Amino acid sequence: MSSKKLYKSNSDKKLAGVCGGVAEYFDVDSTIIRLAWVVFTLAGGAGLLAYIIAAIVMPNR
């Protein structure tokens, strides 16, 4: 049984690699994750805070 771990992406990154890492973890396109993050940011600002926290907390691969 292999356990999946969440890491920031080194290859698919625009800022910190958070969206690329989340996309790799869930095996979806990173563009979908980035669009969802923009929607959450525009719908009250929670996406920006979540991105900053994730960039600090998530380890590099």
PDB file of N, CA and C in Angstrom:
ATOM      1  N   MET A   1       0.840  -1.177   0.000  1.00  0.00           N
ATOM      2  CA  MET A   1       0.000   0.000   0.000  1.00  0.00           C
ATOM      3  C   MET A   1       0.887   1.243   0.000  1.00  0.00           C
ATOM      4  N   SER A   2       0.756   2.046  -1.030  1.00  0.00           N
ATOM      5  CA  SER A   2       1.573   3.251  -1.109  1.00  0.00           C
ATOM      6  C   SER A   2       0.779   4.441  -0.597  1.00  0.00           C
ATOM      7  N   SER A   3       1.441   5.290   0.141  1.00  0.00           N
ATOM      8  CA  SER A   3       0.768   6.475   0.654  1.00  0.00           C
ATOM      9  C   SER A   3       1.169   7.678  -0.198  1.00  0.00           C
ATOM     10  N   LYS A   4       0.171   8.456  -0.572  1.00  0.00           N
ATOM     11  CA  LYS A   4       0.420   9.651  -1.355  1.00  0.00           C
ATOM     12  C   LYS A   4       0.755  10.784  -0.403  1.00  0.00           C
ATOM     13  N   LYS A   5       1.683  11.625  -0.804  1.00  0.00           N
ATOM     14  CA  LYS A   5       2.053  12.783  -0.005  1.00  0.00           C
ATOM     15  C   LYS A   5       1.906  14.038  -0.850  1.00  0.00           C
ATOM     16  N   LEU A   6       1.562  15.110  -0.189  1.00  0.00           N
ATOM     17  CA  LEU A   6       1.345  16.389  -0.852  1.00  0.00           C
ATOM     18  C   LEU A   6       2.633  17.208  -0.795  1.00  0.00           C
ATOM     19  N   TYR A   7       3.167  17.533  -1.967  1.00  0.00           N
ATOM     20  CA  TYR A   7       4.378  18.333  -2.087  1.00  0.00           C
ATOM     21  C   TYR A   7       4.135  19.483  -3.041  1.00  0.00           C
ATOM     22  N   LYS A   8       4.922  20.546  -2.909  1.00  0.00           N
ATOM     23  CA  LYS A   8       4.916  21.599  -3.910  1.00  0.00           C
ATOM     24  C   LYS A   8       5.606  21.059  -5.158  1.00  0.00           C
ATOM     25  N   SER A   9       5.082  21.406  -6.306  1.00  0.00           N
ATOM     26  CA  SER A   9       5.635  20.916  -7.568  1.00  0.00           C
ATOM     27  C   SER A   9       6.882  21.701  -7.947  1.00  0.00           C
ATOM     28  N   ASN A  10       7.879  20.992  -8.432  1.00  0.00           N
ATOM     29  CA  ASN A  10       9.081  21.645  -8.950  1.00  0.00           C
ATOM     30  C   ASN A  10       8.969  21.917 -10.444  1.00  0.00           C
ATOM     31  N   SER A  11       8.191  21.111 -11.153  1.00  0.00           N
ATOM     32  CA  SER A  11       8.107  21.236 -12.601  1.00  0.00           C
ATOM     33  C   SER A  11       6.914  22.061 -13.074  1.00  0.00           C
ATOM     34  N   ASP A  12       5.814  22.054 -12.339  1.00  0.00           N
ATOM     35  CA  ASP A  12       4.590  22.751 -12.744  1.00  0.00           C
ATOM     36  C   ASP A  12       4.306  23.857 -11.741  1.00  0.00           C
ATOM     37  N   LYS A  13       5.065  24.934 -11.826  1.00  0.00           N
ATOM     38  CA  LYS A  13       4.889  26.016 -10.866  1.00  0.00           C
ATOM     39  C   LYS A  13       4.845  27.358 -11.566  1.00  0.00           C
ATOM     40  N   LYS A  14       4.017  28.230 -11.028  1.00  0.00           N
ATOM     41  CA  LYS A  14       3.950  29.611 -11.497  1.00  0.00           C
ATOM     42  C   LYS A  14       4.499  30.536 -10.417  1.00  0.00           C
ATOM     43  N   LEU A  15       4.042  30.371  -9.182  1.00  0.00           N
ATOM     44  CA  LEU A  15       4.567  31.158  -8.065  1.00  0.00           C
ATOM     45  C   LEU A  15       5.381  30.269  -7.132  1.00  0.00           C
ATOM     46  N   ALA A  16       4.679  29.502  -6.318  1.00  0.00           N
ATOM     47  CA  ALA A  16       5.370  28.667  -5.332  1.00  0.00           C
ATOM     48  C   ALA A  16       5.254  27.179  -5.626  1.00  0.00           C
ATOM     49  N   GLY A  17       4.408  26.794  -6.566  1.00  0.00           N
ATOM     50  CA  GLY A  17       4.238  25.383  -6.899  1.00  0.00           C
ATOM     51  C   GLY A  17       3.118  24.696  -6.154  1.00  0.00           C
ATOM     52  N   VAL A  18       2.309  25.475  -5.424  1.00  0.00           N
ATOM     53  CA  VAL A  18       1.229  24.896  -4.623  1.00  0.00           C
ATOM     54  C   VAL A  18       0.152  24.287  -5.518  1.00  0.00           C
ATOM     55  N   CYS A  19      -0.322  25.033  -6.487  1.00  0.00           N
ATOM     56  CA  CYS A  19      -1.385  24.522  -7.368  1.00  0.00           C
ATOM     57  C   CYS A  19      -0.905  23.313  -8.170  1.00  0.00           C
ATOM     58  N   GLY A  20       0.317  23.339  -8.627  1.00  0.00           N
ATOM     59  CA  GLY A  20       0.865  22.199  -9.348  1.00  0.00           C
ATOM     60  C   GLY A  20       0.965  20.976  -8.457  1.00  0.00           C
ATOM     61  N   GLY A  21       1.344  21.172  -7.213  1.00  0.00           N
ATOM     62  CA  GLY A  21       1.429  20.060  -6.272  1.00  0.00           C
ATOM     63  C   GLY A  21       0.078  19.471  -5.935  1.00  0.00           C
ATOM     64  N   VAL A  22      -0.920  20.332  -5.746  1.00  0.00           N
ATOM     65  CA  VAL A  22      -2.280  19.856  -5.474  1.00  0.00           C
ATOM     66  C   VAL A  22      -2.820  19.106  -6.684  1.00  0.00           C
ATOM     67  N   ALA A  23      -2.542  19.612  -7.876  1.00  0.00           N
ATOM     68  CA  ALA A  23      -2.987  18.941  -9.100  1.00  0.00           C
ATOM     69  C   ALA A  23      -2.335  17.575  -9.257  1.00  0.00           C
ATOM     70  N   GLU A  24      -1.049  17.467  -8.949  1.00  0.00           N
ATOM     71  CA  GLU A  24      -0.374  16.165  -9.013  1.00  0.00           C
ATOM     72  C   GLU A  24      -0.967  15.204  -7.988  1.00  0.00           C
ATOM     73  N   TYR A  25      -1.283  15.699  -6.797  1.00  0.00           N
ATOM     74  CA  TYR A  25      -1.819  14.848  -5.741  1.00  0.00           C
ATOM     75  C   TYR A  25      -3.176  14.254  -6.140  1.00  0.00           C
ATOM     76  N   PHE A  26      -4.054  15.097  -6.707  1.00  0.00           N
ATOM     77  CA  PHE A  26      -5.384  14.636  -7.100  1.00  0.00           C
ATOM     78  C   PHE A  26      -5.443  14.131  -8.535  1.00  0.00           C
ATOM     79  N   ASP A  27      -4.320  14.175  -9.259  1.00  0.00           N
ATOM     80  CA  ASP A  27      -4.218  13.694 -10.629  1.00  0.00           C
ATOM     81  C   ASP A  27      -5.214  14.390 -11.557  1.00  0.00           C
ATOM     82  N   VAL A  28      -5.210  15.719 -11.502  1.00  0.00           N
ATOM     83  CA  VAL A  28      -6.030  16.543 -12.387  1.00  0.00           C
ATOM     84  C   VAL A  28      -5.133  17.591 -13.034  1.00  0.00           C
ATOM     85  N   ASP A  29      -5.685  18.310 -13.994  1.00  0.00           N
ATOM     86  CA  ASP A  29      -4.938  19.359 -14.673  1.00  0.00           C
ATOM     87  C   ASP A  29      -4.723  20.537 -13.728  1.00  0.00           C
ATOM     88  N   SER A  30      -3.529  21.091 -13.719  1.00  0.00           N
ATOM     89  CA  SER A  30      -3.221  22.193 -12.808  1.00  0.00           C
ATOM     90  C   SER A  30      -3.999  23.461 -13.149  1.00  0.00           C
ATOM     91  N   THR A  31      -4.425  23.614 -14.394  1.00  0.00           N
ATOM     92  CA  THR A  31      -5.215  24.783 -14.771  1.00  0.00           C
ATOM     93  C   THR A  31      -6.545  24.808 -14.022  1.00  0.00           C
ATOM     94  N   ILE A  32      -7.149  23.658 -13.822  1.00  0.00           N
ATOM     95  CA  ILE A  32      -8.412  23.580 -13.084  1.00  0.00           C
ATOM     96  C   ILE A  32      -8.199  24.027 -11.645  1.00  0.00           C
ATOM     97  N   ILE A  33      -7.114  23.590 -11.030  1.00  0.00           N
ATOM     98  CA  ILE A  33      -6.809  23.972  -9.657  1.00  0.00           C
ATOM     99  C   ILE A  33      -6.545  25.471  -9.577  1.00  0.00           C
ATOM    100  N   ARG A  34      -5.820  26.005 -10.539  1.00  0.00           N
ATOM    101  CA  ARG A  34      -5.530  27.447 -10.531  1.00  0.00           C
ATOM    102  C   ARG A  34      -6.805  28.273 -10.705  1.00  0.00           C
ATOM    103  N   LEU A  35      -7.696  27.833 -11.598  1.00  0.00           N
ATOM    104  CA  LEU A  35      -8.965  28.546 -11.772  1.00  0.00           C
ATOM    105  C   LEU A  35      -9.819  28.494 -10.509  1.00  0.00           C
ATOM    106  N   ALA A  36      -9.844  27.347  -9.854  1.00  0.00           N
ATOM    107  CA  ALA A  36     -10.598  27.224  -8.597  1.00  0.00           C
ATOM    108  C   ALA A  36     -10.004  28.146  -7.539  1.00  0.00           C
ATOM    109  N   TRP A  37      -8.677  28.238  -7.489  1.00  0.00           N
ATOM    110  CA  TRP A  37      -8.032  29.104  -6.509  1.00  0.00           C
ATOM    111  C   TRP A  37      -8.369  30.571  -6.776  1.00  0.00           C
ATOM    112  N   VAL A  38      -8.438  30.973  -8.033  1.00  0.00           N
ATOM    113  CA  VAL A  38      -8.817  32.350  -8.378  1.00  0.00           C
ATOM    114  C   VAL A  38     -10.250  32.625  -7.955  1.00  0.00           C
ATOM    115  N   VAL A  39     -11.144  31.672  -8.189  1.00  0.00           N
ATOM    116  CA  VAL A  39     -12.552  31.846  -7.790  1.00  0.00           C
ATOM    117  C   VAL A  39     -12.659  32.016  -6.285  1.00  0.00           C
ATOM    118  N   PHE A  40     -11.953  31.172  -5.516  1.00  0.00           N
ATOM    119  CA  PHE A  40     -11.991  31.297  -4.057  1.00  0.00           C
ATOM    120  C   PHE A  40     -11.404  32.628  -3.595  1.00  0.00           C
ATOM    121  N   THR A  41     -10.391  33.117  -4.285  1.00  0.00           N
ATOM    122  CA  THR A  41      -9.787  34.390  -3.917  1.00  0.00           C
ATOM    123  C   THR A  41     -10.746  35.542  -4.196  1.00  0.00           C
ATOM    124  N   LEU A  42     -11.405  35.499  -5.341  1.00  0.00           N
ATOM    125  CA  LEU A  42     -12.336  36.579  -5.692  1.00  0.00           C
ATOM    126  C   LEU A  42     -13.637  36.516  -4.898  1.00  0.00           C
ATOM    127  N   ALA A  43     -13.947  35.376  -4.334  1.00  0.00           N
ATOM    128  CA  ALA A  43     -15.200  35.207  -3.592  1.00  0.00           C
ATOM    129  C   ALA A  43     -15.002  35.454  -2.094  1.00  0.00           C
ATOM    130  N   GLY A  44     -14.115  36.343  -1.746  1.00  0.00           N
ATOM    131  CA  GLY A  44     -13.985  36.685  -0.343  1.00  0.00           C
ATOM    132  C   GLY A  44     -12.562  36.720   0.171  1.00  0.00           C
ATOM    133  N   GLY A  45     -11.603  36.350  -0.628  1.00  0.00           N
ATOM    134  CA  GLY A  45     -10.220  36.446  -0.215  1.00  0.00           C
ATOM    135  C   GLY A  45      -9.661  35.236   0.499  1.00  0.00           C
ATOM    136  N   ALA A  46     -10.472  34.216   0.754  1.00  0.00           N
ATOM    137  CA  ALA A  46      -9.995  33.038   1.472  1.00  0.00           C
ATOM    138  C   ALA A  46      -8.956  32.272   0.660  1.00  0.00           C
ATOM    139  N   GLY A  47      -9.035  32.326  -0.641  1.00  0.00           N
ATOM    140  CA  GLY A  47      -8.084  31.616  -1.489  1.00  0.00           C
ATOM    141  C   GLY A  47      -6.677  32.163  -1.359  1.00  0.00           C
ATOM    142  N   LEU A  48      -6.533  33.465  -1.235  1.00  0.00           N
ATOM    143  CA  LEU A  48      -5.208  34.069  -1.086  1.00  0.00           C
ATOM    144  C   LEU A  48      -4.571  33.659   0.234  1.00  0.00           C
ATOM    145  N   LEU A  49      -5.324  33.698   1.296  1.00  0.00           N
ATOM    146  CA  LEU A  49      -4.809  33.284   2.605  1.00  0.00           C
ATOM    147  C   LEU A  49      -4.455  31.803   2.601  1.00  0.00           C
ATOM    148  N   ALA A  50      -5.305  30.983   1.997  1.00  0.00           N
ATOM    149  CA  ALA A  50      -5.036  29.546   1.918  1.00  0.00           C
ATOM    150  C   ALA A  50      -3.782  29.267   1.092  1.00  0.00           C
ATOM    151  N   TYR A  51      -3.570  30.019   0.014  1.00  0.00           N
ATOM    152  CA  TYR A  51      -2.383  29.825  -0.818  1.00  0.00           C
ATOM    153  C   TYR A  51      -1.116  30.172  -0.045  1.00  0.00           C
ATOM    154  N   ILE A  52      -1.146  31.271   0.672  1.00  0.00           N
ATOM    155  CA  ILE A  52       0.027  31.688   1.444  1.00  0.00           C
ATOM    156  C   ILE A  52       0.355  30.660   2.523  1.00  0.00           C
ATOM    157  N   ILE A  53      -0.659  30.191   3.210  1.00  0.00           N
ATOM    158  CA  ILE A  53      -0.444  29.169   4.250  1.00  0.00           C
ATOM    159  C   ILE A  53       0.091  27.881   3.624  1.00  0.00           C
ATOM    160  N   ALA A  54      -0.485  27.468   2.505  1.00  0.00           N
ATOM    161  CA  ALA A  54      -0.033  26.240   1.841  1.00  0.00           C
ATOM    162  C   ALA A  54       1.399  26.374   1.349  1.00  0.00           C
ATOM    163  N   ALA A  55       1.777  27.553   0.845  1.00  0.00           N
ATOM    164  CA  ALA A  55       3.146  27.772   0.365  1.00  0.00           C
ATOM    165  C   ALA A  55       4.152  27.671   1.502  1.00  0.00           C
ATOM    166  N   ILE A  56       3.739  28.053   2.699  1.00  0.00           N
ATOM    167  CA  ILE A  56       4.635  27.979   3.857  1.00  0.00           C
ATOM    168  C   ILE A  56       4.689  26.562   4.421  1.00  0.00           C
ATOM    169  N   VAL A  57       3.534  25.882   4.468  1.00  0.00           N
ATOM    170  CA  VAL A  57       3.427  24.592   5.155  1.00  0.00           C
ATOM    171  C   VAL A  57       3.854  23.414   4.282  1.00  0.00           C
ATOM    172  N   MET A  58       3.540  23.440   2.999  1.00  0.00           N
ATOM    173  CA  MET A  58       3.822  22.302   2.122  1.00  0.00           C
ATOM    174  C   MET A  58       5.329  22.163   1.881  1.00  0.00           C
ATOM    175  N   PRO A  59       5.857  20.952   2.019  1.00  0.00           N
ATOM    176  CA  PRO A  59       7.296  20.764   1.770  1.00  0.00           C
ATOM    177  C   PRO A  59       7.600  20.696   0.279  1.00  0.00           C
ATOM    178  N   ASN A  60       8.851  20.990  -0.065  1.00  0.00           N
ATOM    179  CA  ASN A  60       9.320  20.804  -1.434  1.00  0.00           C
ATOM    180  C   ASN A  60       9.556  19.339  -1.696  1.00  0.00           C
ATOM    181  N   ARG A  61       9.456  18.938  -2.947  1.00  0.00           N
ATOM    182  CA  ARG A  61       9.701  17.547  -3.299  1.00  0.00           C
ATOM    183  C   ARG A  61      11.160  17.237  -3.165  1.00  0.00           C
TER     184      ARG A  61
END
